[in-house]
Amino acid sequence: MKKTLLHLVVLSCKRASFLIEKQQGKPLSFFDNAQLKLHLKLCSECVHFQKQSLLITSMLKSNHKSNLTEFKLPDEVKNRLKKALDEKITIFL
């Protein structure tokens, strides 16, 4: 499948949500940051997701005085969450 220029510039909601989460752990590249900013200007659902994600992260940081990298979910829980998110995301695609 040949990607058009539009596909290179405009992100899917799935990719945007990935970058929103990634952004909380480390800085994004210039290109990823520019793509995410453009997507957020066009997609109110992802803006809402970003606000929720920031809220969850801040709550975890304030409730768990330890470093967030020490917080580990069991693999079974991760897999269930991933499956649920994938099902929800395909609704928007």
PDB file of N, CA and C in Angstrom:
ATOM      1  N   MET A   1       0.845  -1.179   0.000  1.00  0.00           N
ATOM      2  CA  MET A   1       0.000   0.000   0.000  1.00  0.00           C
ATOM      3  C   MET A   1       0.894   1.247   0.000  1.00  0.00           C
ATOM      4  N   LYS A   2       0.640   2.099  -0.931  1.00  0.00           N
ATOM      5  CA  LYS A   2       1.449   3.302  -1.081  1.00  0.00           C
ATOM      6  C   LYS A   2       0.906   4.398  -0.172  1.00  0.00           C
ATOM      7  N   LYS A   3       1.771   4.983   0.636  1.00  0.00           N
ATOM      8  CA  LYS A   3       1.348   6.040   1.546  1.00  0.00           C
ATOM      9  C   LYS A   3       1.377   7.376   0.823  1.00  0.00           C
ATOM     10  N   THR A   4       0.327   8.142   1.003  1.00  0.00           N
ATOM     11  CA  THR A   4       0.297   9.478   0.436  1.00  0.00           C
ATOM     12  C   THR A   4       0.926  10.439   1.421  1.00  0.00           C
ATOM     13  N   LEU A   5       1.172  11.642   0.966  1.00  0.00           N
ATOM     14  CA  LEU A   5       1.744  12.673   1.840  1.00  0.00           C
ATOM     15  C   LEU A   5       0.833  12.913   3.036  1.00  0.00           C
ATOM     16  N   LEU A   6      -0.478  12.867   2.807  1.00  0.00           N
ATOM     17  CA  LEU A   6      -1.437  13.081   3.894  1.00  0.00           C
ATOM     18  C   LEU A   6      -1.273  12.037   4.996  1.00  0.00           C
ATOM     19  N   HIS A   7      -1.046  10.780   4.613  1.00  0.00           N
ATOM     20  CA  HIS A   7      -0.860   9.713   5.600  1.00  0.00           C
ATOM     21  C   HIS A   7       0.424   9.901   6.408  1.00  0.00           C
ATOM     22  N   LEU A   8       1.411  10.547   5.807  1.00  0.00           N
ATOM     23  CA  LEU A   8       2.660  10.795   6.521  1.00  0.00           C
ATOM     24  C   LEU A   8       2.517  11.939   7.518  1.00  0.00           C
ATOM     25  N   VAL A   9       1.605  12.854   7.255  1.00  0.00           N
ATOM     26  CA  VAL A   9       1.449  14.037   8.096  1.00  0.00           C
ATOM     27  C   VAL A   9       0.383  13.836   9.162  1.00  0.00           C
ATOM     28  N   VAL A  10      -0.759  13.270   8.787  1.00  0.00           N
ATOM     29  CA  VAL A  10      -1.878  13.122   9.715  1.00  0.00           C
ATOM     30  C   VAL A  10      -1.847  11.730  10.342  1.00  0.00           C
ATOM     31  N   LEU A  11      -1.875  11.697  11.652  1.00  0.00           N
ATOM     32  CA  LEU A  11      -1.810  10.444  12.404  1.00  0.00           C
ATOM     33  C   LEU A  11      -3.175   9.800  12.552  1.00  0.00           C
ATOM     34  N   SER A  12      -3.185   8.487  12.747  1.00  0.00           N
ATOM     35  CA  SER A  12      -4.402   7.806  13.174  1.00  0.00           C
ATOM     36  C   SER A  12      -4.566   8.050  14.673  1.00  0.00           C
ATOM     37  N   CYS A  13      -5.755   7.845  15.171  1.00  0.00           N
ATOM     38  CA  CYS A  13      -5.985   8.010  16.610  1.00  0.00           C
ATOM     39  C   CYS A  13      -5.162   6.994  17.408  1.00  0.00           C
ATOM     40  N   LYS A  14      -4.972   5.811  16.855  1.00  0.00           N
ATOM     41  CA  LYS A  14      -4.181   4.789  17.540  1.00  0.00           C
ATOM     42  C   LYS A  14      -2.733   5.251  17.713  1.00  0.00           C
ATOM     43  N   ARG A  15      -2.163   5.806  16.660  1.00  0.00           N
ATOM     44  CA  ARG A  15      -0.782   6.300  16.733  1.00  0.00           C
ATOM     45  C   ARG A  15      -0.703   7.516  17.650  1.00  0.00           C
ATOM     46  N   ALA A  16      -1.711   8.388  17.588  1.00  0.00           N
ATOM     47  CA  ALA A  16      -1.727   9.579  18.445  1.00  0.00           C
ATOM     48  C   ALA A  16      -1.775   9.174  19.916  1.00  0.00           C
ATOM     49  N   SER A  17      -2.600   8.184  20.250  1.00  0.00           N
ATOM     50  CA  SER A  17      -2.679   7.757  21.649  1.00  0.00           C
ATOM     51  C   SER A  17      -1.361   7.153  22.109  1.00  0.00           C
ATOM     52  N   PHE A  18      -0.690   6.437  21.214  1.00  0.00           N
ATOM     53  CA  PHE A  18       0.632   5.897  21.540  1.00  0.00           C
ATOM     54  C   PHE A  18       1.611   7.034  21.842  1.00  0.00           C
ATOM     55  N   LEU A  19       1.608   8.063  20.998  1.00  0.00           N
ATOM     56  CA  LEU A  19       2.526   9.187  21.203  1.00  0.00           C
ATOM     57  C   LEU A  19       2.178   9.978  22.463  1.00  0.00           C
ATOM     58  N   ILE A  20       0.899  10.088  22.786  1.00  0.00           N
ATOM     59  CA  ILE A  20       0.479  10.767  24.020  1.00  0.00           C
ATOM     60  C   ILE A  20       1.075  10.060  25.223  1.00  0.00           C
ATOM     61  N   GLU A  21       0.997   8.746  25.229  1.00  0.00           N
ATOM     62  CA  GLU A  21       1.552   7.981  26.339  1.00  0.00           C
ATOM     63  C   GLU A  21       3.079   8.046  26.351  1.00  0.00           C
ATOM     64  N   LYS A  22       3.677   7.920  25.181  1.00  0.00           N
ATOM     65  CA  LYS A  22       5.134   7.956  25.075  1.00  0.00           C
ATOM     66  C   LYS A  22       5.681   9.298  25.558  1.00  0.00           C
ATOM     67  N   GLN A  23       4.968  10.362  25.244  1.00  0.00           N
ATOM     68  CA  GLN A  23       5.371  11.727  25.592  1.00  0.00           C
ATOM     69  C   GLN A  23       5.517  11.912  27.102  1.00  0.00           C
ATOM     70  N   GLN A  24       4.772  11.150  27.871  1.00  0.00           N
ATOM     71  CA  GLN A  24       4.834  11.285  29.322  1.00  0.00           C
ATOM     72  C   GLN A  24       6.092  10.647  29.903  1.00  0.00           C
ATOM     73  N   GLY A  25       6.736   9.776  29.129  1.00  0.00           N
ATOM     74  CA  GLY A  25       7.940   9.117  29.606  1.00  0.00           C
ATOM     75  C   GLY A  25       9.220   9.749  29.108  1.00  0.00           C
ATOM     76  N   LYS A  26       9.170  10.256  27.890  1.00  0.00           N
ATOM     77  CA  LYS A  26      10.364  10.893  27.317  1.00  0.00           C
ATOM     78  C   LYS A  26       9.934  11.834  26.204  1.00  0.00           C
ATOM     79  N   PRO A  27      10.777  12.803  25.857  1.00  0.00           N
ATOM     80  CA  PRO A  27      10.424  13.768  24.814  1.00  0.00           C
ATOM     81  C   PRO A  27      10.261  13.086  23.446  1.00  0.00           C
ATOM     82  N   LEU A  28       9.329  13.586  22.665  1.00  0.00           N
ATOM     83  CA  LEU A  28       9.109  13.071  21.321  1.00  0.00           C
ATOM     84  C   LEU A  28      10.094  13.720  20.349  1.00  0.00           C
ATOM     85  N   SER A  29      10.320  13.056  19.235  1.00  0.00           N
ATOM     86  CA  SER A  29      11.135  13.652  18.180  1.00  0.00           C
ATOM     87  C   SER A  29      10.385  14.865  17.617  1.00  0.00           C
ATOM     88  N   PHE A  30      11.097  15.719  16.917  1.00  0.00           N
ATOM     89  CA  PHE A  30      10.479  16.908  16.335  1.00  0.00           C
ATOM     90  C   PHE A  30       9.305  16.518  15.434  1.00  0.00           C
ATOM     91  N   PHE A  31       9.514  15.515  14.578  1.00  0.00           N
ATOM     92  CA  PHE A  31       8.479  15.087  13.637  1.00  0.00           C
ATOM     93  C   PHE A  31       7.270  14.504  14.360  1.00  0.00           C
ATOM     94  N   ASP A  32       7.501  13.620  15.329  1.00  0.00           N
ATOM     95  CA  ASP A  32       6.387  13.044  16.095  1.00  0.00           C
ATOM     96  C   ASP A  32       5.608  14.122  16.847  1.00  0.00           C
ATOM     97  N   ASN A  33       6.329  15.058  17.436  1.00  0.00           N
ATOM     98  CA  ASN A  33       5.688  16.137  18.181  1.00  0.00           C
ATOM     99  C   ASN A  33       4.818  16.998  17.253  1.00  0.00           C
ATOM    100  N   ALA A  34       5.344  17.313  16.070  1.00  0.00           N
ATOM    101  CA  ALA A  34       4.588  18.118  15.105  1.00  0.00           C
ATOM    102  C   ALA A  34       3.345  17.364  14.632  1.00  0.00           C
ATOM    103  N   GLN A  35       3.488  16.078  14.346  1.00  0.00           N
ATOM    104  CA  GLN A  35       2.344  15.265  13.926  1.00  0.00           C
ATOM    105  C   GLN A  35       1.276  15.212  15.019  1.00  0.00           C
ATOM    106  N   LEU A  36       1.702  15.017  16.261  1.00  0.00           N
ATOM    107  CA  LEU A  36       0.758  14.927  17.366  1.00  0.00           C
ATOM    108  C   LEU A  36       0.028  16.246  17.559  1.00  0.00           C
ATOM    109  N   LYS A  37       0.741  17.351  17.515  1.00  0.00           N
ATOM    110  CA  LYS A  37       0.091  18.658  17.668  1.00  0.00           C
ATOM    111  C   LYS A  37      -0.956  18.886  16.584  1.00  0.00           C
ATOM    112  N   LEU A  38      -0.643  18.521  15.345  1.00  0.00           N
ATOM    113  CA  LEU A  38      -1.601  18.669  14.253  1.00  0.00           C
ATOM    114  C   LEU A  38      -2.820  17.788  14.497  1.00  0.00           C
ATOM    115  N   HIS A  39      -2.580  16.552  14.887  1.00  0.00           N
ATOM    116  CA  HIS A  39      -3.692  15.627  15.143  1.00  0.00           C
ATOM    117  C   HIS A  39      -4.597  16.160  16.257  1.00  0.00           C
ATOM    118  N   LEU A  40      -3.992  16.675  17.325  1.00  0.00           N
ATOM    119  CA  LEU A  40      -4.787  17.174  18.451  1.00  0.00           C
ATOM    120  C   LEU A  40      -5.611  18.398  18.069  1.00  0.00           C
ATOM    121  N   LYS A  41      -5.164  19.168  17.080  1.00  0.00           N
ATOM    122  CA  LYS A  41      -5.949  20.307  16.610  1.00  0.00           C
ATOM    123  C   LYS A  41      -7.189  19.847  15.848  1.00  0.00           C
ATOM    124  N   LEU A  42      -7.124  18.634  15.299  1.00  0.00           N
ATOM    125  CA  LEU A  42      -8.209  18.117  14.463  1.00  0.00           C
ATOM    126  C   LEU A  42      -9.122  17.109  15.173  1.00  0.00           C
ATOM    127  N   CYS A  43      -8.681  16.581  16.304  1.00  0.00           N
ATOM    128  CA  CYS A  43      -9.406  15.450  16.914  1.00  0.00           C
ATOM    129  C   CYS A  43      -9.720  15.715  18.389  1.00  0.00           C
ATOM    130  N   SER A  44     -10.950  16.034  18.671  1.00  0.00           N
ATOM    131  CA  SER A  44     -11.343  16.340  20.048  1.00  0.00           C
ATOM    132  C   SER A  44     -11.314  15.099  20.942  1.00  0.00           C
ATOM    133  N   GLU A  45     -11.536  13.916  20.360  1.00  0.00           N
ATOM    134  CA  GLU A  45     -11.488  12.684  21.160  1.00  0.00           C
ATOM    135  C   GLU A  45     -10.087  12.431  21.698  1.00  0.00           C
ATOM    136  N   CYS A  46      -9.080  12.696  20.881  1.00  0.00           N
ATOM    137  CA  CYS A  46      -7.700  12.484  21.343  1.00  0.00           C
ATOM    138  C   CYS A  46      -7.272  13.554  22.341  1.00  0.00           C
ATOM    139  N   VAL A  47      -7.819  14.755  22.213  1.00  0.00           N
ATOM    140  CA  VAL A  47      -7.561  15.793  23.222  1.00  0.00           C
ATOM    141  C   VAL A  47      -8.119  15.324  24.560  1.00  0.00           C
ATOM    142  N   HIS A  48      -9.328  14.757  24.527  1.00  0.00           N
ATOM    143  CA  HIS A  48      -9.944  14.230  25.745  1.00  0.00           C
ATOM    144  C   HIS A  48      -9.102  13.081  26.316  1.00  0.00           C
ATOM    145  N   PHE A  49      -8.629  12.186  25.430  1.00  0.00           N
ATOM    146  CA  PHE A  49      -7.774  11.085  25.865  1.00  0.00           C
ATOM    147  C   PHE A  49      -6.505  11.615  26.520  1.00  0.00           C
ATOM    148  N   GLN A  50      -5.904  12.645  25.931  1.00  0.00           N
ATOM    149  CA  GLN A  50      -4.675  13.220  26.478  1.00  0.00           C
ATOM    150  C   GLN A  50      -4.919  13.780  27.879  1.00  0.00           C
ATOM    151  N   LYS A  51      -6.032  14.463  28.077  1.00  0.00           N
ATOM    152  CA  LYS A  51      -6.354  15.017  29.398  1.00  0.00           C
ATOM    153  C   LYS A  51      -6.534  13.902  30.422  1.00  0.00           C
ATOM    154  N   GLN A  52      -7.239  12.839  30.014  1.00  0.00           N
ATOM    155  CA  GLN A  52      -7.438  11.707  30.917  1.00  0.00           C
ATOM    156  C   GLN A  52      -6.104  11.041  31.256  1.00  0.00           C
ATOM    157  N   SER A  53      -5.273  10.869  30.267  1.00  0.00           N
ATOM    158  CA  SER A  53      -3.981  10.223  30.467  1.00  0.00           C
ATOM    159  C   SER A  53      -3.100  11.033  31.416  1.00  0.00           C
ATOM    160  N   LEU A  54      -3.081  12.349  31.226  1.00  0.00           N
ATOM    161  CA  LEU A  54      -2.298  13.206  32.116  1.00  0.00           C
ATOM    162  C   LEU A  54      -2.832  13.150  33.544  1.00  0.00           C
ATOM    163  N   LEU A  55      -4.152  13.114  33.686  1.00  0.00           N
ATOM    164  CA  LEU A  55      -4.767  13.024  35.007  1.00  0.00           C
ATOM    165  C   LEU A  55      -4.397  11.708  35.694  1.00  0.00           C
ATOM    166  N   ILE A  56      -4.495  10.614  34.968  1.00  0.00           N
ATOM    167  CA  ILE A  56      -4.147   9.306  35.533  1.00  0.00           C
ATOM    168  C   ILE A  56      -2.686   9.274  35.967  1.00  0.00           C
ATOM    169  N   THR A  57      -1.813   9.781  35.107  1.00  0.00           N
ATOM    170  CA  THR A  57      -0.382   9.799  35.434  1.00  0.00           C
ATOM    171  C   THR A  57      -0.107  10.647  36.664  1.00  0.00           C
ATOM    172  N   SER A  58      -0.730  11.819  36.738  1.00  0.00           N
ATOM    173  CA  SER A  58      -0.493  12.683  37.903  1.00  0.00           C
ATOM    174  C   SER A  58      -1.039  12.045  39.178  1.00  0.00           C
ATOM    175  N   MET A  59      -2.175  11.346  39.071  1.00  0.00           N
ATOM    176  CA  MET A  59      -2.732  10.661  40.245  1.00  0.00           C
ATOM    177  C   MET A  59      -1.809   9.534  40.692  1.00  0.00           C
ATOM    178  N   LEU A  60      -1.280   8.791  39.744  1.00  0.00           N
ATOM    179  CA  LEU A  60      -0.353   7.710  40.098  1.00  0.00           C
ATOM    180  C   LEU A  60       0.896   8.259  40.762  1.00  0.00           C
ATOM    181  N   LYS A  61       1.417   9.347  40.222  1.00  0.00           N
ATOM    182  CA  LYS A  61       2.625   9.944  40.793  1.00  0.00           C
ATOM    183  C   LYS A  61       2.368  10.471  42.204  1.00  0.00           C
ATOM    184  N   SER A  62       1.201  11.066  42.428  1.00  0.00           N
ATOM    185  CA  SER A  62       0.933  11.624  43.750  1.00  0.00           C
ATOM    186  C   SER A  62       0.580  10.537  44.774  1.00  0.00           C
ATOM    187  N   ASN A  63      -0.069   9.466  44.325  1.00  0.00           N
ATOM    188  CA  ASN A  63      -0.450   8.391  45.243  1.00  0.00           C
ATOM    189  C   ASN A  63       0.677   7.403  45.508  1.00  0.00           C
ATOM    190  N   HIS A  64       1.578   7.298  44.595  1.00  0.00           N
ATOM    191  CA  HIS A  64       2.712   6.385  44.755  1.00  0.00           C
ATOM    192  C   HIS A  64       3.977   7.228  44.791  1.00  0.00           C
ATOM    193  N   LYS A  65       4.494   7.411  45.954  1.00  0.00           N
ATOM    194  CA  LYS A  65       5.670   8.262  46.129  1.00  0.00           C
ATOM    195  C   LYS A  65       6.893   7.682  45.426  1.00  0.00           C
ATOM    196  N   SER A  66       6.862   6.391  45.135  1.00  0.00           N
ATOM    197  CA  SER A  66       7.996   5.782  44.456  1.00  0.00           C
ATOM    198  C   SER A  66       7.989   6.162  42.977  1.00  0.00           C
ATOM    199  N   ASN A  67       9.062   5.860  42.326  1.00  0.00           N
ATOM    200  CA  ASN A  67       9.214   6.129  40.905  1.00  0.00           C
ATOM    201  C   ASN A  67       8.205   5.300  40.114  1.00  0.00           C
ATOM    202  N   LEU A  68       7.577   5.904  39.090  1.00  0.00           N
ATOM    203  CA  LEU A  68       6.583   5.191  38.286  1.00  0.00           C
ATOM    204  C   LEU A  68       7.166   3.973  37.578  1.00  0.00           C
ATOM    205  N   THR A  69       8.441   3.973  37.283  1.00  0.00           N
ATOM    206  CA  THR A  69       9.026   2.832  36.591  1.00  0.00           C
ATOM    207  C   THR A  69       9.022   1.583  37.466  1.00  0.00           C
ATOM    208  N   GLU A  70       8.847   1.755  38.765  1.00  0.00           N
ATOM    209  CA  GLU A  70       8.792   0.610  39.674  1.00  0.00           C
ATOM    210  C   GLU A  70       7.401  -0.007  39.724  1.00  0.00           C
ATOM    211  N   PHE A  71       6.409   0.678  39.183  1.00  0.00           N
ATOM    212  CA  PHE A  71       5.035   0.190  39.185  1.00  0.00           C
ATOM    213  C   PHE A  71       4.852  -0.771  38.016  1.00  0.00           C
ATOM    214  N   LYS A  72       4.600  -2.039  38.300  1.00  0.00           N
ATOM    215  CA  LYS A  72       4.470  -3.062  37.262  1.00  0.00           C
ATOM    216  C   LYS A  72       3.111  -3.740  37.360  1.00  0.00           C
ATOM    217  N   LEU A  73       2.459  -3.866  36.216  1.00  0.00           N
ATOM    218  CA  LEU A  73       1.212  -4.627  36.140  1.00  0.00           C
ATOM    219  C   LEU A  73       1.533  -6.060  35.743  1.00  0.00           C
ATOM    220  N   PRO A  74       0.777  -7.010  36.255  1.00  0.00           N
ATOM    221  CA  PRO A  74       0.971  -8.392  35.808  1.00  0.00           C
ATOM    222  C   PRO A  74       0.680  -8.511  34.310  1.00  0.00           C
ATOM    223  N   ASP A  75       1.353  -9.429  33.626  1.00  0.00           N
ATOM    224  CA  ASP A  75       1.184  -9.597  32.180  1.00  0.00           C
ATOM    225  C   ASP A  75      -0.267  -9.880  31.805  1.00  0.00           C
ATOM    226  N   GLU A  76      -0.973 -10.635  32.624  1.00  0.00           N
ATOM    227  CA  GLU A  76      -2.379 -10.960  32.343  1.00  0.00           C
ATOM    228  C   GLU A  76      -3.224  -9.683  32.295  1.00  0.00           C
ATOM    229  N   VAL A  77      -2.991  -8.787  33.232  1.00  0.00           N
ATOM    230  CA  VAL A  77      -3.729  -7.519  33.272  1.00  0.00           C
ATOM    231  C   VAL A  77      -3.367  -6.664  32.058  1.00  0.00           C
ATOM    232  N   LYS A  78      -2.084  -6.613  31.718  1.00  0.00           N
ATOM    233  CA  LYS A  78      -1.643  -5.852  30.543  1.00  0.00           C
ATOM    234  C   LYS A  78      -2.329  -6.361  29.279  1.00  0.00           C
ATOM    235  N   ASN A  79      -2.380  -7.680  29.136  1.00  0.00           N
ATOM    236  CA  ASN A  79      -2.993  -8.268  27.938  1.00  0.00           C
ATOM    237  C   ASN A  79      -4.483  -7.962  27.865  1.00  0.00           C
ATOM    238  N   ARG A  80      -5.176  -8.028  28.999  1.00  0.00           N
ATOM    239  CA  ARG A  80      -6.604  -7.708  29.012  1.00  0.00           C
ATOM    240  C   ARG A  80      -6.845  -6.242  28.664  1.00  0.00           C
ATOM    241  N   LEU A  81      -6.027  -5.345  29.224  1.00  0.00           N
ATOM    242  CA  LEU A  81      -6.155  -3.921  28.917  1.00  0.00           C
ATOM    243  C   LEU A  81      -5.870  -3.645  27.441  1.00  0.00           C
ATOM    244  N   LYS A  82      -4.826  -4.264  26.920  1.00  0.00           N
ATOM    245  CA  LYS A  82      -4.467  -4.066  25.518  1.00  0.00           C
ATOM    246  C   LYS A  82      -5.603  -4.535  24.609  1.00  0.00           C
ATOM    247  N   LYS A  83      -6.172  -5.690  24.905  1.00  0.00           N
ATOM    248  CA  LYS A  83      -7.265  -6.226  24.093  1.00  0.00           C
ATOM    249  C   LYS A  83      -8.470  -5.286  24.134  1.00  0.00           C
ATOM    250  N   ALA A  84      -8.808  -4.801  25.322  1.00  0.00           N
ATOM    251  CA  ALA A  84      -9.950  -3.890  25.466  1.00  0.00           C
ATOM    252  C   ALA A  84      -9.710  -2.587  24.710  1.00  0.00           C
ATOM    253  N   LEU A  85      -8.494  -2.053  24.807  1.00  0.00           N
ATOM    254  CA  LEU A  85      -8.167  -0.818  24.088  1.00  0.00           C
ATOM    255  C   LEU A  85      -8.196  -1.027  22.584  1.00  0.00           C
ATOM    256  N   ASP A  86      -7.652  -2.134  22.114  1.00  0.00           N
ATOM    257  CA  ASP A  86      -7.665  -2.423  20.681  1.00  0.00           C
ATOM    258  C   ASP A  86      -9.093  -2.513  20.149  1.00  0.00           C
ATOM    259  N   GLU A  87      -9.980  -3.135  20.927  1.00  0.00           N
ATOM    260  CA  GLU A  87     -11.385  -3.237  20.511  1.00  0.00           C
ATOM    261  C   GLU A  87     -12.043  -1.866  20.447  1.00  0.00           C
ATOM    262  N   LYS A  88     -11.758  -1.017  21.425  1.00  0.00           N
ATOM    263  CA  LYS A  88     -12.340   0.318  21.444  1.00  0.00           C
ATOM    264  C   LYS A  88     -11.780   1.186  20.323  1.00  0.00           C
ATOM    265  N   ILE A  89     -10.479   1.062  20.069  1.00  0.00           N
ATOM    266  CA  ILE A  89      -9.829   1.898  19.049  1.00  0.00           C
ATOM    267  C   ILE A  89     -10.351   1.552  17.661  1.00  0.00           C
ATOM    268  N   THR A  90     -10.609   0.272  17.388  1.00  0.00           N
ATOM    269  CA  THR A  90     -11.079  -0.100  16.046  1.00  0.00           C
ATOM    270  C   THR A  90     -12.441   0.512  15.753  1.00  0.00           C
ATOM    271  N   ILE A  91     -13.193   0.874  16.769  1.00  0.00           N
ATOM    272  CA  ILE A  91     -14.476   1.543  16.571  1.00  0.00           C
ATOM    273  C   ILE A  91     -14.262   2.904  15.900  1.00  0.00           C
ATOM    274  N   PHE A  92     -13.179   3.585  16.274  1.00  0.00           N
ATOM    275  CA  PHE A  92     -12.897   4.925  15.757  1.00  0.00           C
ATOM    276  C   PHE A  92     -12.180   4.910  14.417  1.00  0.00           C
ATOM    277  N   LEU A  93     -11.614   3.777  14.026  1.00  0.00           N
ATOM    278  CA  LEU A  93     -10.839   3.735  12.776  1.00  0.00           C
ATOM    279  C   LEU A  93     -11.669   3.490  11.573  1.00  0.00           C
TER     280      LEU A  93
END
